[in-house]
């Protein structure tokens, strides 16, 4: 299996797990508060990543890089999850994932400035085409409701863009994908400890389905997905090669939202989703 195919497979599994986090979070939120979910999710992920990392002999972070990991953990996990969980309270799974899909556009622009990554004109056109697909998903019913949930989720997209750029930096100074996600996740958990008591109390009083939902959120969309994401980033020549796969997230999230929550997608979902997938195919074929 060549490097590009490995990167693509990792990216696809990552966005699928991330897409599943939107409806599963809504399930968990029937019992847990947004902030306690953030703490529990990060803690479960940290434990799992340590279980994976210790046998693989992950190195300790150098003292001079600890602040970078705290920043990475804050942006990619603590702040991101708080913003996302608060936003999803008033949005559907599909709408939340659509807003997060703007992250690749932000990341591509920032990476082109920070790292001098060049994107062909065809690449920029396909990014614009994918964004058109996102707009179709958002505007199909003729109106987009601007509410506090939308503001929270846009904030989540912005901080995740910053995490993507910082992830690239940590890789460039010698850390592996596993080391980056493990120490960033642990730092995220540390930054969320003020919600630990609330989380423990809610776990004690939760039903099995609620416990399973937060364990899943910590294990798959957090630990495994972020690990795959980091590895995909390390294999990519350009950040945009990986981040553009996030355009598929709304399609996955809409389907899973229907299965888990009976959220019914409209024709705009299918049209917009088709445009998004087509744009990613063209980007990976001709845009780089």
C-alpha atoms as a PDB file:
ATOM      1  CA  UNK A   1       0.000   0.000   0.000  1.00  0.00           C
ATOM      2  CA  UNK A   2       1.513   3.327  -1.054  1.00  0.00           C
ATOM      3  CA  UNK A   3       1.765   6.380   1.178  1.00  0.00           C
ATOM      4  CA  UNK A   4      -1.004   8.358  -0.513  1.00  0.00           C
ATOM      5  CA  UNK A   5      -3.499   5.487  -0.275  1.00  0.00           C
ATOM      6  CA  UNK A   6      -2.690   5.032   3.430  1.00  0.00           C
ATOM      7  CA  UNK A   7      -3.240   8.750   3.995  1.00  0.00           C
ATOM      8  CA  UNK A   8      -6.592   8.659   2.177  1.00  0.00           C
ATOM      9  CA  UNK A   9      -7.849   5.599   4.098  1.00  0.00           C
ATOM     10  CA  UNK A  10      -6.870   7.154   7.441  1.00  0.00           C
ATOM     11  CA  UNK A  11      -8.580  10.408   6.503  1.00  0.00           C
ATOM     12  CA  UNK A  12     -11.821   8.647   5.488  1.00  0.00           C
ATOM     13  CA  UNK A  13     -12.023   6.662   8.734  1.00  0.00           C
ATOM     14  CA  UNK A  14     -11.239   9.813  10.701  1.00  0.00           C
ATOM     15  CA  UNK A  15     -14.060  11.849   9.188  1.00  0.00           C
ATOM     16  CA  UNK A  16     -16.477   8.935   9.636  1.00  0.00           C
ATOM     17  CA  UNK A  17     -15.694   8.723  13.350  1.00  0.00           C
ATOM     18  CA  UNK A  18     -15.909  12.499  13.671  1.00  0.00           C
ATOM     19  CA  UNK A  19     -19.237  12.511  11.820  1.00  0.00           C
ATOM     20  CA  UNK A  20     -20.576   9.940  14.268  1.00  0.00           C
ATOM     21  CA  UNK A  21     -19.651  12.208  17.178  1.00  0.00           C
ATOM     22  CA  UNK A  22     -22.402  14.720  16.287  1.00  0.00           C
ATOM     23  CA  UNK A  23     -25.431  12.410  16.741  1.00  0.00           C
ATOM     24  CA  UNK A  24     -23.774  10.430  19.546  1.00  0.00           C
ATOM     25  CA  UNK A  25     -23.065  13.677  21.417  1.00  0.00           C
ATOM     26  CA  UNK A  26     -26.755  14.576  21.152  1.00  0.00           C
ATOM     27  CA  UNK A  27     -27.586  11.162  22.647  1.00  0.00           C
ATOM     28  CA  UNK A  28     -25.116  11.731  25.512  1.00  0.00           C
ATOM     29  CA  UNK A  29     -26.452  15.230  26.058  1.00  0.00           C
ATOM     30  CA  UNK A  30     -29.823  13.870  27.157  1.00  0.00           C
ATOM     31  CA  UNK A  31     -28.057  13.184  30.468  1.00  0.00           C
ATOM     32  CA  UNK A  32     -24.675  14.961  30.563  1.00  0.00           C
ATOM     33  CA  UNK A  33     -23.950  18.686  30.401  1.00  0.00           C
ATOM     34  CA  UNK A  34     -21.760  19.954  27.511  1.00  0.00           C
ATOM     35  CA  UNK A  35     -18.751  20.666  29.731  1.00  0.00           C
ATOM     36  CA  UNK A  36     -18.857  17.359  31.586  1.00  0.00           C
ATOM     37  CA  UNK A  37     -19.005  15.502  28.253  1.00  0.00           C
ATOM     38  CA  UNK A  38     -15.872  17.394  27.201  1.00  0.00           C
ATOM     39  CA  UNK A  39     -13.992  16.300  30.340  1.00  0.00           C
ATOM     40  CA  UNK A  40     -15.143  12.667  30.208  1.00  0.00           C
ATOM     41  CA  UNK A  41     -14.411  12.393  26.491  1.00  0.00           C
ATOM     42  CA  UNK A  42     -10.878  13.774  26.887  1.00  0.00           C
ATOM     43  CA  UNK A  43     -10.152  11.603  29.928  1.00  0.00           C
ATOM     44  CA  UNK A  44     -11.314   8.373  28.258  1.00  0.00           C
ATOM     45  CA  UNK A  45      -9.274   9.259  25.168  1.00  0.00           C
ATOM     46  CA  UNK A  46      -6.174  10.072  27.249  1.00  0.00           C
ATOM     47  CA  UNK A  47      -6.299   6.709  29.040  1.00  0.00           C
ATOM     48  CA  UNK A  48      -6.739   4.802  25.772  1.00  0.00           C
ATOM     49  CA  UNK A  49      -3.930   6.710  24.072  1.00  0.00           C
ATOM     50  CA  UNK A  50      -1.574   5.978  26.975  1.00  0.00           C
ATOM     51  CA  UNK A  51      -2.490   2.278  26.748  1.00  0.00           C
ATOM     52  CA  UNK A  52      -1.590   2.397  23.053  1.00  0.00           C
ATOM     53  CA  UNK A  53       1.416   4.667  23.456  1.00  0.00           C
ATOM     54  CA  UNK A  54       3.380   3.117  26.329  1.00  0.00           C
ATOM     55  CA  UNK A  55       3.985  -0.260  24.588  1.00  0.00           C
ATOM     56  CA  UNK A  56       4.984   1.732  21.482  1.00  0.00           C
ATOM     57  CA  UNK A  57       7.634   3.578  23.519  1.00  0.00           C
ATOM     58  CA  UNK A  58       6.381   7.105  23.039  1.00  0.00           C
ATOM     59  CA  UNK A  59       8.943   9.660  24.163  1.00  0.00           C
ATOM     60  CA  UNK A  60       8.320  12.203  26.883  1.00  0.00           C
ATOM     61  CA  UNK A  61       7.800  15.737  25.593  1.00  0.00           C
ATOM     62  CA  UNK A  62      10.744  18.064  25.980  1.00  0.00           C
ATOM     63  CA  UNK A  63      10.295  20.776  28.590  1.00  0.00           C
ATOM     64  CA  UNK A  64      10.593  23.520  25.990  1.00  0.00           C
ATOM     65  CA  UNK A  65       7.640  22.033  24.086  1.00  0.00           C
ATOM     66  CA  UNK A  66       5.209  21.589  26.992  1.00  0.00           C
ATOM     67  CA  UNK A  67       3.617  24.979  26.352  1.00  0.00           C
ATOM     68  CA  UNK A  68       3.073  23.979  22.724  1.00  0.00           C
ATOM     69  CA  UNK A  69       1.271  20.827  23.884  1.00  0.00           C
ATOM     70  CA  UNK A  70      -0.843  22.830  26.333  1.00  0.00           C
ATOM     71  CA  UNK A  71      -1.801  25.143  23.487  1.00  0.00           C
ATOM     72  CA  UNK A  72      -2.512  22.186  21.221  1.00  0.00           C
ATOM     73  CA  UNK A  73      -4.605  20.477  23.912  1.00  0.00           C
ATOM     74  CA  UNK A  74      -6.474  23.679  24.615  1.00  0.00           C
ATOM     75  CA  UNK A  75      -7.296  24.395  20.978  1.00  0.00           C
ATOM     76  CA  UNK A  76      -7.848  20.891  19.630  1.00  0.00           C
ATOM     77  CA  UNK A  77      -9.624  19.377  22.609  1.00  0.00           C
ATOM     78  CA  UNK A  78     -10.609  21.529  25.587  1.00  0.00           C
ATOM     79  CA  UNK A  79     -11.872  24.669  23.830  1.00  0.00           C
ATOM     80  CA  UNK A  80     -12.979  22.840  20.695  1.00  0.00           C
ATOM     81  CA  UNK A  81     -15.129  20.353  22.599  1.00  0.00           C
ATOM     82  CA  UNK A  82     -16.664  22.984  24.872  1.00  0.00           C
ATOM     83  CA  UNK A  83     -17.577  25.152  21.876  1.00  0.00           C
ATOM     84  CA  UNK A  84     -18.872  22.199  19.845  1.00  0.00           C
ATOM     85  CA  UNK A  85     -20.909  20.663  22.672  1.00  0.00           C
ATOM     86  CA  UNK A  86     -22.523  23.967  23.558  1.00  0.00           C
ATOM     87  CA  UNK A  87     -23.278  24.652  19.911  1.00  0.00           C
ATOM     88  CA  UNK A  88     -24.854  21.303  19.141  1.00  0.00           C
ATOM     89  CA  UNK A  89     -27.534  21.851  21.783  1.00  0.00           C
ATOM     90  CA  UNK A  90     -29.530  24.077  19.415  1.00  0.00           C
ATOM     91  CA  UNK A  91     -28.428  22.639  16.048  1.00  0.00           C
ATOM     92  CA  UNK A  92     -29.056  19.361  14.241  1.00  0.00           C
ATOM     93  CA  UNK A  93     -26.217  16.890  13.771  1.00  0.00           C
ATOM     94  CA  UNK A  94     -26.090  17.740  10.065  1.00  0.00           C
ATOM     95  CA  UNK A  95     -25.972  21.518  10.589  1.00  0.00           C
ATOM     96  CA  UNK A  96     -23.221  21.257  13.212  1.00  0.00           C
ATOM     97  CA  UNK A  97     -21.086  19.092  10.968  1.00  0.00           C
ATOM     98  CA  UNK A  98     -21.671  21.430   8.024  1.00  0.00           C
ATOM     99  CA  UNK A  99     -20.325  24.400   9.971  1.00  0.00           C
ATOM    100  CA  UNK A 100     -17.267  22.433  11.101  1.00  0.00           C
ATOM    101  CA  UNK A 101     -16.680  21.618   7.436  1.00  0.00           C
ATOM    102  CA  UNK A 102     -15.560  25.216   6.901  1.00  0.00           C
ATOM    103  CA  UNK A 103     -12.375  24.270   8.772  1.00  0.00           C
ATOM    104  CA  UNK A 104     -10.508  23.016   5.658  1.00  0.00           C
ATOM    105  CA  UNK A 105     -11.049  26.354   3.937  1.00  0.00           C
ATOM    106  CA  UNK A 106      -9.626  28.195   6.940  1.00  0.00           C
ATOM    107  CA  UNK A 107      -6.776  25.698   7.280  1.00  0.00           C
ATOM    108  CA  UNK A 108      -5.828  25.811   3.605  1.00  0.00           C
ATOM    109  CA  UNK A 109      -5.626  29.596   3.627  1.00  0.00           C
ATOM    110  CA  UNK A 110      -3.643  29.741   6.885  1.00  0.00           C
ATOM    111  CA  UNK A 111      -1.291  26.913   5.815  1.00  0.00           C
ATOM    112  CA  UNK A 112      -0.576  28.676   2.529  1.00  0.00           C
ATOM    113  CA  UNK A 113       0.562  31.697   4.549  1.00  0.00           C
ATOM    114  CA  UNK A 114       2.378  29.877   7.365  1.00  0.00           C
ATOM    115  CA  UNK A 115       4.073  27.080   5.424  1.00  0.00           C
ATOM    116  CA  UNK A 116       4.079  28.411   1.873  1.00  0.00           C
ATOM    117  CA  UNK A 117       1.961  25.504   0.666  1.00  0.00           C
ATOM    118  CA  UNK A 118       0.936  26.073  -2.929  1.00  0.00           C
ATOM    119  CA  UNK A 119      -2.487  25.109  -4.229  1.00  0.00           C
ATOM    120  CA  UNK A 120      -3.186  24.998  -7.963  1.00  0.00           C
ATOM    121  CA  UNK A 121      -5.971  27.099  -9.409  1.00  0.00           C
ATOM    122  CA  UNK A 122      -7.973  23.913  -9.939  1.00  0.00           C
ATOM    123  CA  UNK A 123      -7.499  23.169  -6.235  1.00  0.00           C
ATOM    124  CA  UNK A 124      -8.900  26.542  -5.218  1.00  0.00           C
ATOM    125  CA  UNK A 125     -11.816  26.077  -7.625  1.00  0.00           C
ATOM    126  CA  UNK A 126     -12.649  22.669  -6.146  1.00  0.00           C
ATOM    127  CA  UNK A 127     -12.454  24.104  -2.625  1.00  0.00           C
ATOM    128  CA  UNK A 128     -14.923  26.757  -3.746  1.00  0.00           C
ATOM    129  CA  UNK A 129     -17.095  24.043  -5.322  1.00  0.00           C
ATOM    130  CA  UNK A 130     -17.082  22.078  -2.066  1.00  0.00           C
ATOM    131  CA  UNK A 131     -18.105  25.213  -0.209  1.00  0.00           C
ATOM    132  CA  UNK A 132     -20.991  25.609  -2.675  1.00  0.00           C
ATOM    133  CA  UNK A 133     -22.040  22.094  -1.682  1.00  0.00           C
ATOM    134  CA  UNK A 134     -21.934  23.135   1.961  1.00  0.00           C
ATOM    135  CA  UNK A 135     -24.042  26.222   1.187  1.00  0.00           C
ATOM    136  CA  UNK A 136     -26.618  24.068  -0.595  1.00  0.00           C
ATOM    137  CA  UNK A 137     -26.903  21.941   2.526  1.00  0.00           C
ATOM    138  CA  UNK A 138     -27.335  25.057   4.642  1.00  0.00           C
ATOM    139  CA  UNK A 139     -29.659  27.045   2.381  1.00  0.00           C
ATOM    140  CA  UNK A 140     -31.855  24.361   0.841  1.00  0.00           C
ATOM    141  CA  UNK A 141     -34.858  25.314   2.976  1.00  0.00           C
ATOM    142  CA  UNK A 142     -34.364  28.962   2.058  1.00  0.00           C
ATOM    143  CA  UNK A 143     -33.059  30.299   5.360  1.00  0.00           C
ATOM    144  CA  UNK A 144     -30.233  29.761   7.858  1.00  0.00           C
ATOM    145  CA  UNK A 145     -31.097  30.399  11.466  1.00  0.00           C
ATOM    146  CA  UNK A 146     -28.424  32.498  13.158  1.00  0.00           C
ATOM    147  CA  UNK A 147     -28.535  31.493  16.796  1.00  0.00           C
ATOM    148  CA  UNK A 148     -26.120  31.092  19.666  1.00  0.00           C
ATOM    149  CA  UNK A 149     -25.458  27.495  18.629  1.00  0.00           C
ATOM    150  CA  UNK A 150     -24.198  28.690  15.278  1.00  0.00           C
ATOM    151  CA  UNK A 151     -21.820  31.145  16.941  1.00  0.00           C
ATOM    152  CA  UNK A 152     -20.457  28.466  19.304  1.00  0.00           C
ATOM    153  CA  UNK A 153     -19.886  26.071  16.390  1.00  0.00           C
ATOM    154  CA  UNK A 154     -18.171  28.646  14.182  1.00  0.00           C
ATOM    155  CA  UNK A 155     -15.836  29.232  17.131  1.00  0.00           C
ATOM    156  CA  UNK A 156     -15.166  25.472  17.236  1.00  0.00           C
ATOM    157  CA  UNK A 157     -14.256  25.501  13.537  1.00  0.00           C
ATOM    158  CA  UNK A 158     -11.816  28.369  14.073  1.00  0.00           C
ATOM    159  CA  UNK A 159      -9.975  26.758  17.000  1.00  0.00           C
ATOM    160  CA  UNK A 160      -9.780  23.432  15.155  1.00  0.00           C
ATOM    161  CA  UNK A 161      -8.174  25.233  12.231  1.00  0.00           C
ATOM    162  CA  UNK A 162      -5.531  26.495  14.673  1.00  0.00           C
ATOM    163  CA  UNK A 163      -5.050  22.945  15.988  1.00  0.00           C
ATOM    164  CA  UNK A 164      -4.413  21.648  12.462  1.00  0.00           C
ATOM    165  CA  UNK A 165      -1.713  24.241  11.888  1.00  0.00           C
ATOM    166  CA  UNK A 166      -0.099  23.584  15.276  1.00  0.00           C
ATOM    167  CA  UNK A 167      -0.248  19.811  14.678  1.00  0.00           C
ATOM    168  CA  UNK A 168       1.825  20.348  11.551  1.00  0.00           C
ATOM    169  CA  UNK A 169       4.391  22.364  13.533  1.00  0.00           C
ATOM    170  CA  UNK A 170       4.760  19.712  16.259  1.00  0.00           C
ATOM    171  CA  UNK A 171       5.309  17.062  13.595  1.00  0.00           C
ATOM    172  CA  UNK A 172       7.955  19.218  11.902  1.00  0.00           C
ATOM    173  CA  UNK A 173      10.017  19.452  15.117  1.00  0.00           C
ATOM    174  CA  UNK A 174      10.215  15.677  15.460  1.00  0.00           C
ATOM    175  CA  UNK A 175       7.179  14.373  17.353  1.00  0.00           C
ATOM    176  CA  UNK A 176       5.215  11.398  16.025  1.00  0.00           C
ATOM    177  CA  UNK A 177       1.474  11.478  15.411  1.00  0.00           C
ATOM    178  CA  UNK A 178       0.898   9.260  18.473  1.00  0.00           C
ATOM    179  CA  UNK A 179       3.009  11.496  20.703  1.00  0.00           C
ATOM    180  CA  UNK A 180       1.282  14.645  19.486  1.00  0.00           C
ATOM    181  CA  UNK A 181      -2.268  13.414  20.004  1.00  0.00           C
ATOM    182  CA  UNK A 182      -1.475  11.681  23.335  1.00  0.00           C
ATOM    183  CA  UNK A 183       0.163  14.662  25.024  1.00  0.00           C
ATOM    184  CA  UNK A 184      -2.270  17.138  23.503  1.00  0.00           C
ATOM    185  CA  UNK A 185      -5.217  15.061  24.743  1.00  0.00           C
ATOM    186  CA  UNK A 186      -3.727  14.761  28.239  1.00  0.00           C
ATOM    187  CA  UNK A 187      -3.217  18.529  28.322  1.00  0.00           C
ATOM    188  CA  UNK A 188      -6.806  18.967  27.172  1.00  0.00           C
ATOM    189  CA  UNK A 189      -7.986  16.784  30.073  1.00  0.00           C
ATOM    190  CA  UNK A 190      -5.904  18.787  32.533  1.00  0.00           C
ATOM    191  CA  UNK A 191      -7.413  22.029  31.259  1.00  0.00           C
ATOM    192  CA  UNK A 192     -10.908  20.559  31.734  1.00  0.00           C
ATOM    193  CA  UNK A 193     -10.434  19.277  35.309  1.00  0.00           C
ATOM    194  CA  UNK A 194     -12.682  22.015  36.698  1.00  0.00           C
ATOM    195  CA  UNK A 195     -15.588  19.975  35.267  1.00  0.00           C
ATOM    196  CA  UNK A 196     -14.376  16.642  36.680  1.00  0.00           C
ATOM    197  CA  UNK A 197     -16.632  16.553  39.770  1.00  0.00           C
ATOM    198  CA  UNK A 198     -19.674  17.372  37.680  1.00  0.00           C
ATOM    199  CA  UNK A 199     -18.715  14.618  35.235  1.00  0.00           C
ATOM    200  CA  UNK A 200     -18.218  11.968  37.940  1.00  0.00           C
ATOM    201  CA  UNK A 201     -21.580  12.763  39.545  1.00  0.00           C
ATOM    202  CA  UNK A 202     -23.338  12.464  36.191  1.00  0.00           C
ATOM    203  CA  UNK A 203     -21.609   9.166  35.381  1.00  0.00           C
ATOM    204  CA  UNK A 204     -22.783   7.688  38.700  1.00  0.00           C
ATOM    205  CA  UNK A 205     -26.400   8.555  37.904  1.00  0.00           C
ATOM    206  CA  UNK A 206     -26.303   7.639  34.193  1.00  0.00           C
ATOM    207  CA  UNK A 207     -27.946   4.776  32.348  1.00  0.00           C
ATOM    208  CA  UNK A 208     -25.865   2.198  30.397  1.00  0.00           C
ATOM    209  CA  UNK A 209     -26.608   3.853  27.027  1.00  0.00           C
ATOM    210  CA  UNK A 210     -25.299   7.162  28.320  1.00  0.00           C
ATOM    211  CA  UNK A 211     -22.122   5.549  29.684  1.00  0.00           C
ATOM    212  CA  UNK A 212     -21.571   3.757  26.381  1.00  0.00           C
ATOM    213  CA  UNK A 213     -22.091   6.975  24.447  1.00  0.00           C
ATOM    214  CA  UNK A 214     -19.342   8.895  26.291  1.00  0.00           C
ATOM    215  CA  UNK A 215     -16.982   5.896  26.186  1.00  0.00           C
ATOM    216  CA  UNK A 216     -17.518   5.754  22.419  1.00  0.00           C
ATOM    217  CA  UNK A 217     -16.936   9.515  22.112  1.00  0.00           C
ATOM    218  CA  UNK A 218     -13.666   9.214  24.012  1.00  0.00           C
ATOM    219  CA  UNK A 219     -12.454   6.095  22.211  1.00  0.00           C
ATOM    220  CA  UNK A 220     -13.393   6.472  18.546  1.00  0.00           C
ATOM    221  CA  UNK A 221     -14.001  10.142  17.554  1.00  0.00           C
ATOM    222  CA  UNK A 222     -11.302  11.283  19.999  1.00  0.00           C
ATOM    223  CA  UNK A 223      -8.458   8.810  20.573  1.00  0.00           C
ATOM    224  CA  UNK A 224      -8.560   6.673  17.430  1.00  0.00           C
ATOM    225  CA  UNK A 225      -9.767   9.384  15.045  1.00  0.00           C
ATOM    226  CA  UNK A 226      -7.251  11.988  16.201  1.00  0.00           C
ATOM    227  CA  UNK A 227      -4.486   9.399  16.009  1.00  0.00           C
ATOM    228  CA  UNK A 228      -5.458   8.517  12.439  1.00  0.00           C
ATOM    229  CA  UNK A 229      -5.744  12.239  11.643  1.00  0.00           C
ATOM    230  CA  UNK A 230      -2.270  12.925  12.966  1.00  0.00           C
ATOM    231  CA  UNK A 231      -0.793  10.025  10.999  1.00  0.00           C
ATOM    232  CA  UNK A 232      -2.560  11.178   7.837  1.00  0.00           C
ATOM    233  CA  UNK A 233      -1.136  14.673   8.385  1.00  0.00           C
ATOM    234  CA  UNK A 234       2.366  13.226   8.784  1.00  0.00           C
ATOM    235  CA  UNK A 235       2.042  11.381   5.454  1.00  0.00           C
ATOM    236  CA  UNK A 236       0.665  14.364   3.542  1.00  0.00           C
ATOM    237  CA  UNK A 237       2.792  16.652   1.418  1.00  0.00           C
ATOM    238  CA  UNK A 238       0.266  19.440   1.991  1.00  0.00           C
ATOM    239  CA  UNK A 239      -2.117  20.021   4.900  1.00  0.00           C
ATOM    240  CA  UNK A 240      -5.031  20.498   2.486  1.00  0.00           C
ATOM    241  CA  UNK A 241      -4.650  16.936   1.156  1.00  0.00           C
ATOM    242  CA  UNK A 242      -6.013  15.706   4.487  1.00  0.00           C
ATOM    243  CA  UNK A 243      -8.263  18.528   5.665  1.00  0.00           C
ATOM    244  CA  UNK A 244     -10.327  18.473   2.468  1.00  0.00           C
ATOM    245  CA  UNK A 245     -11.728  15.096   3.485  1.00  0.00           C
ATOM    246  CA  UNK A 246     -13.669  16.975   6.171  1.00  0.00           C
ATOM    247  CA  UNK A 247     -16.047  18.081   3.425  1.00  0.00           C
ATOM    248  CA  UNK A 248     -17.529  14.544   3.549  1.00  0.00           C
ATOM    249  CA  UNK A 249     -18.387  14.867   7.251  1.00  0.00           C
ATOM    250  CA  UNK A 250     -21.856  16.448   6.735  1.00  0.00           C
ATOM    251  CA  UNK A 251     -22.925  13.591   4.500  1.00  0.00           C
ATOM    252  CA  UNK A 252     -21.859  10.937   7.014  1.00  0.00           C
ATOM    253  CA  UNK A 253     -23.318  12.927   9.902  1.00  0.00           C
ATOM    254  CA  UNK A 254     -26.667  13.358   8.175  1.00  0.00           C
ATOM    255  CA  UNK A 255     -27.000   9.637   7.494  1.00  0.00           C
ATOM    256  CA  UNK A 256     -26.000   8.728  11.062  1.00  0.00           C
ATOM    257  CA  UNK A 257     -28.316  11.405  12.437  1.00  0.00           C
ATOM    258  CA  UNK A 258     -31.184   9.745  10.592  1.00  0.00           C
ATOM    259  CA  UNK A 259     -30.242   6.280  11.853  1.00  0.00           C
ATOM    260  CA  UNK A 260     -29.679   7.261  15.489  1.00  0.00           C
ATOM    261  CA  UNK A 261     -32.010  10.245  15.960  1.00  0.00           C
ATOM    262  CA  UNK A 262     -34.521   9.937  13.108  1.00  0.00           C
ATOM    263  CA  UNK A 263     -33.361  13.307  11.733  1.00  0.00           C
ATOM    264  CA  UNK A 264     -34.719  13.255   8.192  1.00  0.00           C
ATOM    265  CA  UNK A 265     -32.386  14.643   5.496  1.00  0.00           C
ATOM    266  CA  UNK A 266     -33.858  16.632   2.609  1.00  0.00           C
ATOM    267  CA  UNK A 267     -32.974  16.630  -1.080  1.00  0.00           C
ATOM    268  CA  UNK A 268     -30.475  19.433  -0.458  1.00  0.00           C
ATOM    269  CA  UNK A 269     -28.431  17.007   1.640  1.00  0.00           C
ATOM    270  CA  UNK A 270     -28.108  14.588  -1.250  1.00  0.00           C
ATOM    271  CA  UNK A 271     -27.354  17.280  -3.848  1.00  0.00           C
ATOM    272  CA  UNK A 272     -24.890  19.131  -1.628  1.00  0.00           C
ATOM    273  CA  UNK A 273     -23.280  15.890  -0.496  1.00  0.00           C
ATOM    274  CA  UNK A 274     -22.745  14.766  -4.094  1.00  0.00           C
ATOM    275  CA  UNK A 275     -21.086  18.084  -4.964  1.00  0.00           C
ATOM    276  CA  UNK A 276     -18.830  17.824  -1.905  1.00  0.00           C
ATOM    277  CA  UNK A 277     -17.666  14.289  -2.710  1.00  0.00           C
ATOM    278  CA  UNK A 278     -17.105  15.195  -6.382  1.00  0.00           C
ATOM    279  CA  UNK A 279     -15.047  18.237  -5.416  1.00  0.00           C
ATOM    280  CA  UNK A 280     -12.801  16.184  -3.120  1.00  0.00           C
ATOM    281  CA  UNK A 281     -12.245  13.633  -5.888  1.00  0.00           C
ATOM    282  CA  UNK A 282     -11.236  16.364  -8.348  1.00  0.00           C
ATOM    283  CA  UNK A 283      -9.027  18.078  -5.769  1.00  0.00           C
ATOM    284  CA  UNK A 284      -7.077  14.914  -5.035  1.00  0.00           C
ATOM    285  CA  UNK A 285      -6.776  14.141  -8.741  1.00  0.00           C
ATOM    286  CA  UNK A 286      -5.947  17.556 -10.196  1.00  0.00           C
ATOM    287  CA  UNK A 287      -5.743  20.175  -7.442  1.00  0.00           C
ATOM    288  CA  UNK A 288      -2.305  19.516  -5.953  1.00  0.00           C
END
